[in-house]
Amino acid sequence: MRTIDLILLLNDFKKNNRIFVEDDDQRLAVVDIEIIDDTVVLKTSTKLHGLKNWEFLVLLNQKDYYEFPIFYHNKNSHKQLFGFRVANDCLLLG
């Protein structure tokens, strides 16, 4: 998924929904982003509260990032983000 596609989809949801990555039945809170070689990599944590939707959109919504694919850190590698679902007022990316 490209950054601009995710931005457009998330604009329809409540601003205070928390953002998580769902990986192998585990929810990891998205706490920051990192730009690596023209890709956006989501930084996650099991111990911190996730970003709210509006905070996440502020970080992503930069014209230079619009065409970048989005990945999240998974153990020793990066997995590409393909979509999301909504559960219990949380946005679960995966």
Protein backbone atom coordinates (compact mmCIF):
# COMPACT_ATOMS: atom_id res chain seq x y z
CA MET A 1 0.00 0.00 0.00
CA ARG A 2 1.21 3.48 -0.81
CA THR A 3 1.23 6.23 1.78
CA ILE A 4 -1.32 8.41 -0.07
CA ASP A 5 -3.77 5.48 -0.25
CA LEU A 6 -3.57 4.90 3.50
CA ILE A 7 -3.97 8.62 4.24
CA LEU A 8 -7.12 8.81 2.13
CA LEU A 9 -8.62 5.74 3.81
CA LEU A 10 -7.84 6.85 7.37
CA ASN A 11 -9.36 10.31 6.85
CA ASP A 12 -12.82 8.73 7.18
CA PHE A 13 -12.26 7.49 10.74
CA LYS A 14 -12.40 9.16 14.15
CA LYS A 15 -9.37 11.27 14.96
CA ASN A 16 -8.82 9.61 18.36
CA ASN A 17 -8.79 5.98 17.17
CA ARG A 18 -5.52 4.28 18.12
CA ILE A 19 -3.27 2.81 15.41
CA PHE A 20 -1.92 -0.74 15.76
CA VAL A 21 -0.18 -3.27 13.55
CA GLU A 22 -1.75 -6.72 13.70
CA ASP A 23 0.78 -9.49 13.14
CA ASP A 24 0.29 -13.18 13.98
CA ASP A 25 -2.56 -12.50 16.45
CA GLN A 26 -0.48 -9.85 18.21
CA ARG A 27 -1.27 -6.14 18.36
CA LEU A 28 1.71 -3.81 18.27
CA ALA A 29 1.18 -0.11 18.93
CA VAL A 30 2.46 2.19 16.18
CA VAL A 31 4.60 4.80 17.95
CA ASP A 32 6.53 6.51 15.12
CA ILE A 33 7.58 6.29 11.47
CA GLU A 34 11.00 6.05 9.90
CA ILE A 35 11.99 6.73 6.28
CA ILE A 36 14.44 4.17 4.87
CA ASP A 37 15.40 4.10 1.17
CA ASP A 38 12.16 5.66 -0.14
CA THR A 39 9.92 3.53 2.08
CA VAL A 40 7.95 4.34 5.20
CA VAL A 41 8.63 1.92 8.05
CA LEU A 42 6.26 1.93 11.01
CA LYS A 43 7.97 1.72 14.38
CA THR A 44 6.01 -0.41 16.85
CA SER A 45 6.06 -1.19 20.54
CA THR A 46 4.35 -3.60 22.90
CA LYS A 47 4.87 -1.30 25.89
CA LEU A 48 3.80 2.15 24.68
CA HIS A 49 0.37 3.54 23.76
CA GLY A 50 -0.20 3.74 20.02
CA LEU A 51 -0.48 6.97 18.12
CA LYS A 52 -3.93 8.38 17.61
CA ASN A 53 -5.24 8.58 14.07
CA TRP A 54 -4.71 12.35 13.82
CA GLU A 55 -1.11 12.07 15.11
CA PHE A 56 -0.37 9.29 12.64
CA LEU A 57 -1.81 11.31 9.75
CA VAL A 58 0.29 14.35 10.67
CA LEU A 59 3.44 12.21 10.46
CA LEU A 60 2.47 10.60 7.13
CA ASN A 61 0.94 13.55 5.32
CA GLN A 62 4.02 14.95 3.62
CA LYS A 63 4.07 15.26 -0.15
CA ASP A 64 7.50 13.62 -0.44
CA TYR A 65 6.12 10.41 1.15
CA TYR A 66 2.95 10.01 -0.97
CA GLU A 67 4.33 7.40 -3.40
CA PHE A 68 6.37 5.48 -0.80
CA PRO A 69 5.23 1.96 0.11
CA ILE A 70 4.55 1.30 3.80
CA PHE A 71 6.26 -1.46 5.76
CA TYR A 72 6.30 -2.45 9.42
CA HIS A 73 9.10 -4.04 11.39
CA ASN A 74 8.58 -7.75 12.01
CA LYS A 75 11.27 -9.50 14.05
CA ASN A 76 14.37 -9.33 11.82
CA SER A 77 12.72 -8.13 8.62
CA HIS A 78 10.13 -5.74 7.23
CA LYS A 79 6.68 -6.76 5.98
CA GLN A 80 4.68 -4.66 3.58
CA LEU A 81 1.37 -3.20 4.72
CA PHE A 82 -1.60 -4.30 2.60
CA GLY A 83 -4.66 -3.01 4.41
CA PHE A 84 -6.43 -2.56 7.73
CA ARG A 85 -9.54 -3.40 9.68
CA VAL A 86 -11.42 -1.73 12.50
CA ALA A 87 -12.06 -3.41 15.87
CA ASN A 88 -12.99 -1.90 19.25
CA ASP A 89 -12.24 1.69 18.17
CA CYS A 90 -8.76 0.64 17.00
CA LEU A 91 -7.39 0.74 13.47
CA LEU A 92 -5.51 -2.53 12.92
CA LEU A 93 -3.02 -2.31 10.06
CA GLY A 94 -1.68 -5.48 8.50
